[in-house]
Protein backbone atom coordinates (compact mmCIF):
# COMPACT_ATOMS: atom_id res chain seq x y z
CA MET A 1 2.38 11.06 -19.90
CA LYS A 2 0.91 8.52 -23.31
CA SER A 3 -1.59 9.64 -24.21
CA GLU A 4 -3.31 6.32 -24.50
CA LEU A 5 -2.78 5.44 -20.50
CA LEU A 6 -4.17 8.89 -19.35
CA THR A 7 -7.74 8.03 -21.15
CA ILE A 8 -7.42 4.19 -19.67
CA LEU A 9 -6.71 5.57 -16.42
CA GLU A 10 -9.25 8.16 -16.75
CA LYS A 11 -11.46 5.70 -17.32
CA GLN A 12 -10.95 4.15 -14.60
CA GLN A 13 -11.65 7.03 -11.98
CA TYR A 14 -8.01 8.20 -11.38
CA LYS A 15 -7.49 11.40 -10.75
CA VAL A 16 -3.80 12.59 -12.31
CA TYR A 17 -1.91 16.06 -11.63
CA HIS A 18 1.52 17.06 -13.58
CA GLU A 19 2.04 13.20 -15.97
CA HIS A 20 2.95 11.38 -12.68
CA ALA A 21 0.81 12.29 -9.43
CA ALA A 22 -2.47 10.39 -9.32
CA VAL A 23 -5.54 10.33 -6.84
CA LYS A 24 -7.91 8.02 -6.85
CA LEU A 25 -11.59 7.46 -4.22
CA CYS A 26 -10.90 3.26 -2.44
CA HIS A 27 -13.17 1.05 -2.70
CA TRP A 28 -13.70 2.20 1.21
CA VAL A 29 -13.83 5.50 1.14
CA ARG A 30 -16.99 4.78 -0.66
CA GLU A 31 -18.57 2.19 1.46
CA SER A 32 -17.93 4.02 4.88
CA LEU A 33 -19.58 6.72 3.48
CA LEU A 34 -22.46 5.10 2.29
CA ARG A 35 -23.16 1.97 4.42
CA ASN A 36 -20.50 2.66 7.41
CA ARG A 37 -18.13 -0.15 6.50
CA PHE A 38 -14.65 0.76 7.15
CA CYS A 39 -11.05 -0.62 5.65
CA TYR A 40 -9.18 -3.00 7.48
CA LYS A 41 -6.30 -0.45 8.22
CA GLN A 42 -9.38 1.33 10.39
CA ASP A 43 -10.14 -1.60 12.51
CA PHE A 44 -5.89 -2.30 12.24
CA TYR A 45 -4.41 0.88 12.98
CA GLY A 46 -7.45 3.94 13.86
CA ILE A 47 -7.00 4.95 10.62
CA LYS A 48 -10.56 6.59 9.64
CA SER A 49 -11.05 4.97 6.25
CA HIS A 50 -13.09 8.09 4.50
CA ARG A 51 -10.66 10.26 5.94
CA CYS A 52 -8.27 8.74 3.33
CA LEU A 53 -6.85 10.20 0.29
CA GLN A 54 -4.82 7.19 -1.62
CA MET A 55 -2.67 8.63 -4.39
CA THR A 56 0.86 8.36 -5.57
CA PRO A 57 3.57 10.35 -6.64
CA VAL A 58 4.63 7.81 -9.80
CA VAL A 59 1.56 6.66 -11.40
CA ASN A 60 3.18 5.22 -14.54
CA MET A 61 6.54 4.10 -13.03
CA CYS A 62 7.59 0.38 -11.21
CA THR A 63 10.82 -1.69 -10.80
CA GLN A 64 8.57 -4.64 -10.96
CA SER A 65 5.92 -6.17 -13.38
CA CYS A 66 4.12 -8.67 -10.56
CA LEU A 67 1.53 -10.70 -12.13
CA PHE A 68 -0.63 -10.08 -9.36
CA CYS A 69 -0.69 -6.42 -9.56
CA TRP A 70 -4.20 -5.09 -10.42
CA ARG A 71 -2.38 -1.48 -11.58
CA VAL A 72 -2.50 -0.40 -15.27
CA GLN A 73 0.97 -1.99 -16.10
CA GLY A 74 3.41 -1.29 -20.09
CA PHE A 75 3.73 2.35 -20.07
CA GLU A 76 6.50 2.95 -17.37
CA SER A 77 7.93 6.59 -18.72
CA SER A 78 9.59 9.79 -16.41
CA PRO A 79 8.00 12.64 -16.59
CA SER A 80 8.88 15.94 -17.95
CA SER A 81 9.78 17.43 -14.86
CA TRP A 82 8.70 16.53 -11.56
CA CYS A 83 5.36 18.72 -9.43
CA ASP A 84 6.20 20.64 -6.12
CA PRO A 85 5.43 17.86 -3.29
CA GLU A 86 3.12 20.69 -1.25
CA GLU A 87 1.54 21.39 -5.17
CA MET A 88 1.28 18.50 -5.54
CA LEU A 89 -0.51 17.60 -1.73
CA ASP A 90 -3.12 20.30 -2.26
CA ALA A 91 -4.03 19.42 -6.56
CA LEU A 92 -4.50 15.91 -4.91
CA ILE A 93 -6.69 17.18 -2.03
CA GLU A 94 -8.27 19.42 -4.07
CA GLN A 95 -9.31 16.28 -6.95
CA GLN A 96 -10.14 13.87 -3.35
CA ARG A 97 -13.14 16.87 -2.70
CA LEU A 98 -14.74 16.83 -6.66
CA LEU A 99 -14.74 13.18 -6.89
CA VAL A 100 -16.12 12.06 -3.02
CA SER A 101 -18.58 15.83 -3.93
CA GLY A 102 -21.19 13.41 -5.42
CA PHE A 103 -22.42 11.91 -2.65
CA LYS A 104 -23.55 14.70 -1.24
CA GLY A 105 -27.65 14.31 -1.16
CA ASP A 106 -27.73 11.13 -0.75
CA LYS A 107 -29.84 9.79 1.77
CA ARG A 108 -27.00 6.86 3.16
CA CYS A 109 -23.74 9.40 3.62
CA ALA A 110 -24.15 11.07 6.84
CA ILE A 111 -23.36 15.28 5.80
CA GLU A 112 -21.08 15.38 8.79
CA ARG A 113 -19.12 12.37 7.56
CA TRP A 114 -19.20 13.54 3.61
CA GLN A 115 -17.65 16.93 5.36
CA GLU A 116 -14.88 15.19 7.03
CA ALA A 117 -14.53 13.54 3.81
CA ARG A 118 -13.14 16.59 2.26
CA GLU A 119 -10.70 17.12 5.27
CA PRO A 120 -8.00 13.94 4.57
CA LYS A 121 -6.59 13.43 7.93
CA HIS A 122 -3.99 9.97 6.63
CA ILE A 123 -2.31 10.02 3.22
CA ALA A 124 -1.44 6.12 1.66
CA ILE A 125 1.37 6.54 -0.53
CA SER A 126 0.37 3.51 -1.71
CA LEU A 127 -1.60 3.50 -5.15
CA ALA A 128 -0.10 2.91 -8.13
CA GLY A 129 4.15 2.41 -9.48
CA GLU A 130 6.50 2.64 -6.35
CA PRO A 131 6.48 5.77 -4.46
CA THR A 132 10.69 5.59 -3.45
CA LEU A 133 11.02 7.00 -8.13
CA TYR A 134 9.86 10.03 -6.09
CA PRO A 135 12.34 12.41 -6.15
CA PHE A 136 10.98 14.24 -3.63
CA LEU A 137 9.43 11.72 -0.99
CA SER A 138 11.41 13.20 2.18
CA ASP A 139 10.31 16.53 1.48
CA PHE A 140 6.62 15.15 0.26
CA ILE A 141 6.20 13.14 3.86
CA GLU A 142 7.89 16.11 5.16
CA VAL A 143 5.10 18.50 4.02
CA CYS A 144 2.30 15.73 4.85
CA HIS A 145 3.08 15.85 8.89
CA THR A 146 3.48 19.68 9.06
CA ARG A 147 -0.56 19.96 8.40
CA GLY A 148 -0.80 16.80 10.57
CA LEU A 149 -1.37 14.31 8.10
CA THR A 150 -0.64 10.90 8.82
CA THR A 151 1.27 8.66 5.77
CA PHE A 152 1.58 4.90 4.63
CA LEU A 153 4.20 4.76 2.69
CA VAL A 154 4.36 1.17 0.35
CA THR A 155 7.10 0.52 -0.72
CA ASN A 156 8.58 -3.39 -3.42
CA GLY A 157 11.97 -2.16 -1.14
CA THR A 158 14.17 -2.62 -4.81
CA ASN A 159 15.87 1.15 -3.83
CA PRO A 160 16.52 1.06 0.27
CA GLU A 161 19.12 4.17 -0.53
CA VAL A 162 15.99 6.35 -1.13
CA LEU A 163 14.19 4.43 2.21
CA GLN A 164 17.85 5.63 4.52
CA GLN A 165 17.66 8.73 3.18
CA LEU A 166 14.04 9.48 4.01
CA ASP A 167 14.13 12.29 6.86
CA PRO A 168 10.99 12.11 8.33
CA LEU A 169 9.81 8.31 7.52
CA PRO A 170 6.28 7.34 7.27
CA THR A 171 4.27 7.13 10.23
CA GLN A 172 4.50 3.45 9.32
CA LEU A 173 6.14 1.84 6.10
CA TYR A 174 5.30 -1.20 4.42
CA VAL A 175 8.16 -3.32 2.48
CA THR A 176 5.82 -5.92 0.39
CA VAL A 177 7.49 -8.73 0.31
CA ALA A 178 5.64 -11.40 -1.91
CA ALA A 179 7.92 -13.97 -2.33
CA PRO A 180 9.77 -16.36 0.45
CA ASN A 181 13.41 -16.84 -2.54
CA GLU A 182 14.24 -15.68 -4.99
CA GLU A 183 13.22 -18.01 -7.84
CA ILE A 184 9.85 -17.13 -6.86
CA TYR A 185 10.54 -13.78 -7.31
CA LYS A 186 11.31 -13.60 -10.67
CA LYS A 187 8.63 -16.03 -11.77
CA LEU A 188 6.32 -13.36 -10.05
CA CYS A 189 7.42 -10.27 -9.19
CA ILE A 190 9.48 -9.95 -12.58
CA PRO A 191 12.20 -7.01 -11.61
CA LYS A 192 12.74 -4.98 -14.45
CA ILE A 193 15.99 -4.67 -12.32
CA PRO A 194 18.91 -7.35 -12.48
CA ASP A 195 19.63 -6.90 -8.54
CA GLY A 196 16.19 -6.39 -7.72
CA TRP A 197 16.60 -9.77 -5.45
CA GLU A 198 19.42 -8.09 -3.17
CA ARG A 199 17.61 -5.02 -3.10
CA LEU A 200 14.96 -6.07 -1.22
CA MET A 201 17.54 -8.23 1.05
CA SER A 202 19.66 -4.97 1.32
CA THR A 203 15.86 -3.38 2.68
CA LEU A 204 14.87 -6.17 5.29
CA GLU A 205 18.71 -5.58 6.76
CA LEU A 206 18.02 -1.45 6.97
CA LEU A 207 14.45 -2.24 8.56
CA PRO A 208 15.87 -2.59 12.32
CA SER A 209 17.42 0.37 12.22
CA LEU A 210 14.85 3.23 11.26
CA ASN A 211 12.70 4.99 13.81
CA ALA A 212 9.80 4.31 12.12
CA ARG A 213 6.58 1.26 12.40
CA THR A 214 7.82 -1.13 9.99
CA VAL A 215 5.04 -3.30 8.30
CA ILE A 216 5.80 -6.59 6.36
CA ARG A 217 3.34 -7.20 3.63
CA HIS A 218 3.30 -11.18 2.19
CA THR A 219 0.96 -10.28 -0.53
CA LEU A 220 -0.41 -14.23 -1.18
CA VAL A 221 -1.63 -15.51 -4.43
CA GLN A 222 -2.86 -19.66 -4.45
CA ASP A 223 -0.42 -21.79 -6.20
CA TRP A 224 2.27 -19.04 -6.74
CA ASN A 225 3.96 -18.26 -2.69
CA LEU A 226 1.32 -19.48 -0.33
CA GLY A 227 3.37 -22.07 1.28
CA TRP A 228 6.87 -21.51 3.09
CA GLU A 229 6.71 -20.25 5.53
CA GLU A 230 9.63 -21.25 6.87
CA GLU A 231 10.89 -19.53 4.33
CA TYR A 232 9.79 -16.44 4.91
CA ALA A 233 10.10 -17.13 8.66
CA ARG A 234 13.66 -16.05 8.21
CA LEU A 235 13.40 -13.24 5.93
CA ASP A 236 10.97 -11.78 8.48
CA GLU A 237 13.80 -11.84 11.56
CA ILE A 238 15.80 -9.69 9.10
CA ALA A 239 13.37 -7.26 8.68
CA ASP A 240 12.31 -7.71 12.49
CA PRO A 241 9.47 -5.45 11.66
CA THR A 242 6.77 -3.83 14.43
CA PHE A 243 3.45 -6.17 12.23
CA ILE A 244 3.61 -8.60 9.54
CA GLU A 245 0.31 -8.90 7.35
CA PRO A 246 0.06 -11.97 4.93
CA LYS A 247 -2.98 -10.25 2.64
CA GLY A 248 -4.59 -12.31 0.33
CA TYR A 249 -4.04 -11.50 -3.82
CA VAL A 250 -7.42 -9.92 -5.19
CA PHE A 251 -8.57 -11.04 -8.32
CA VAL A 252 -9.12 -7.35 -9.30
CA GLY A 253 -8.08 -4.90 -11.89
CA GLN A 254 -5.16 -5.89 -14.72
CA SER A 255 -4.03 -8.63 -12.19
CA ARG A 256 -7.19 -10.99 -14.29
CA GLU A 257 -5.65 -10.47 -17.60
CA ARG A 258 -2.57 -12.48 -15.96
CA MET A 259 -3.90 -14.91 -13.14
CA SER A 260 -7.19 -16.90 -12.47
CA LEU A 261 -10.14 -16.52 -9.66
CA THR A 262 -8.42 -19.89 -8.10
CA ASN A 263 -5.48 -18.17 -7.39
CA MET A 264 -7.27 -16.26 -4.73
CA PRO A 265 -6.89 -17.41 -1.51
CA SER A 266 -9.01 -17.93 1.39
CA HIS A 267 -9.44 -15.91 4.58
CA ALA A 268 -8.86 -19.63 5.94
CA SER A 269 -6.17 -19.75 4.01
CA ILE A 270 -4.84 -16.81 5.36
CA ARG A 271 -5.45 -17.51 8.61
CA ASP A 272 -3.92 -21.40 8.71
CA PHE A 273 -1.05 -19.09 7.01
CA GLY A 274 -0.60 -17.09 9.25
CA ARG A 275 -0.90 -19.16 12.33
CA ARG A 276 2.06 -21.23 11.07
CA LEU A 277 4.34 -18.63 10.39
CA GLY A 278 3.25 -16.68 13.79
CA ASN A 279 4.56 -19.98 15.61
CA LEU A 280 7.92 -19.83 13.73
CA LEU A 281 7.95 -16.33 15.00
CA GLY A 282 6.47 -16.70 18.40
CA LEU A 283 4.36 -13.89 17.01
CA GLU A 284 0.11 -14.19 17.53
CA ILE A 285 -2.62 -12.79 15.18
CA LEU A 286 -3.82 -9.47 16.64
CA LYS A 287 -5.88 -9.17 14.21
CA GLU A 288 -8.17 -10.15 11.16
CA LYS A 289 -10.45 -9.33 8.46
CA GLU A 290 -11.81 -12.04 6.23
CA ASP A 291 -13.66 -9.00 3.62
CA SER A 292 -10.10 -7.57 3.10
CA ARG A 293 -8.23 -11.54 3.45
CA VAL A 294 -5.90 -9.97 6.19
CA VAL A 295 -4.32 -10.43 9.68
CA LEU A 296 -2.32 -8.73 11.19
CA LEU A 297 0.87 -10.58 13.23
CA GLY A 298 2.50 -8.86 16.03
CA GLU A 299 3.94 -9.65 19.64
CA LYS A 300 0.96 -10.47 22.31
CA GLY A 301 -0.49 -8.09 23.76
CA ARG A 302 0.83 -5.53 21.42
CA GLU A 303 -1.56 -1.83 20.58
CA THR A 304 -1.73 -2.17 16.80
CA LYS A 305 -3.63 1.64 16.86
CA ILE A 306 -0.80 4.49 15.66
CA PRO A 307 -0.47 6.67 19.16
CA ASN A 308 -2.49 10.03 18.98
CA ILE A 309 -3.66 9.35 15.80
CA GLU A 310 -6.41 11.99 16.01
């Protein structure tokens, strides 16, 4: 890893391990510990915010350079070697414990919740980069599940062959579909590979065959990809996911160099998009979280919580 990138990541409170893996304390871990406020994943799926470890096995590698991405871009390189999945998990849990250590003693933080935060129960494989580029991803998920940890894998869908070979599958598989068509995809997601759209379409075609909870996330950017509900609906019909998450872009991180505050849609516009999309697909808004600008679409009456999560 280039020293310049490491300096940037450390300044942004990332903890990097073995050049390619990293953990960063999520905003909602802090909010949960100090203010009893929770991430939408707790409301929607039952994930305890203060027990969630947000990590990536490939902090500086991705197949796209999305304009709306808040992560650091421009430093892509392969590591000289890849660390073992179990070793990586142990190291990142220890780093998470260091990151939450400062909350002990804060009068706003209950000691029981702080102790729980030191023992993560959920691994969000989503922090930065494209996690399907890690060659031992399947082994890593297996290690997590063996330890009783739930896993959410978030991918841009450009490596369908990796998803097809995952065994075990994650507890919940997210695929980001941030464009209704190839033209917008190329302008907004800026693929680094020539067949990015075709590979994403292959992933959508694969999803119905996977024995896992699947979620299509539409990251929506005002004046870029918000609208086109009929085209999104056609893509969602192919994927046939368990749930759909229309979620608004947030003007944070490095995306501020490429976007403006006006590109951040209101929650009302996300809700309206979700309602129109749901009407086309025969789905309803099951949940919503205004401070995260996200709604959850699914079949009427469907339970959203992960079974036996505790």
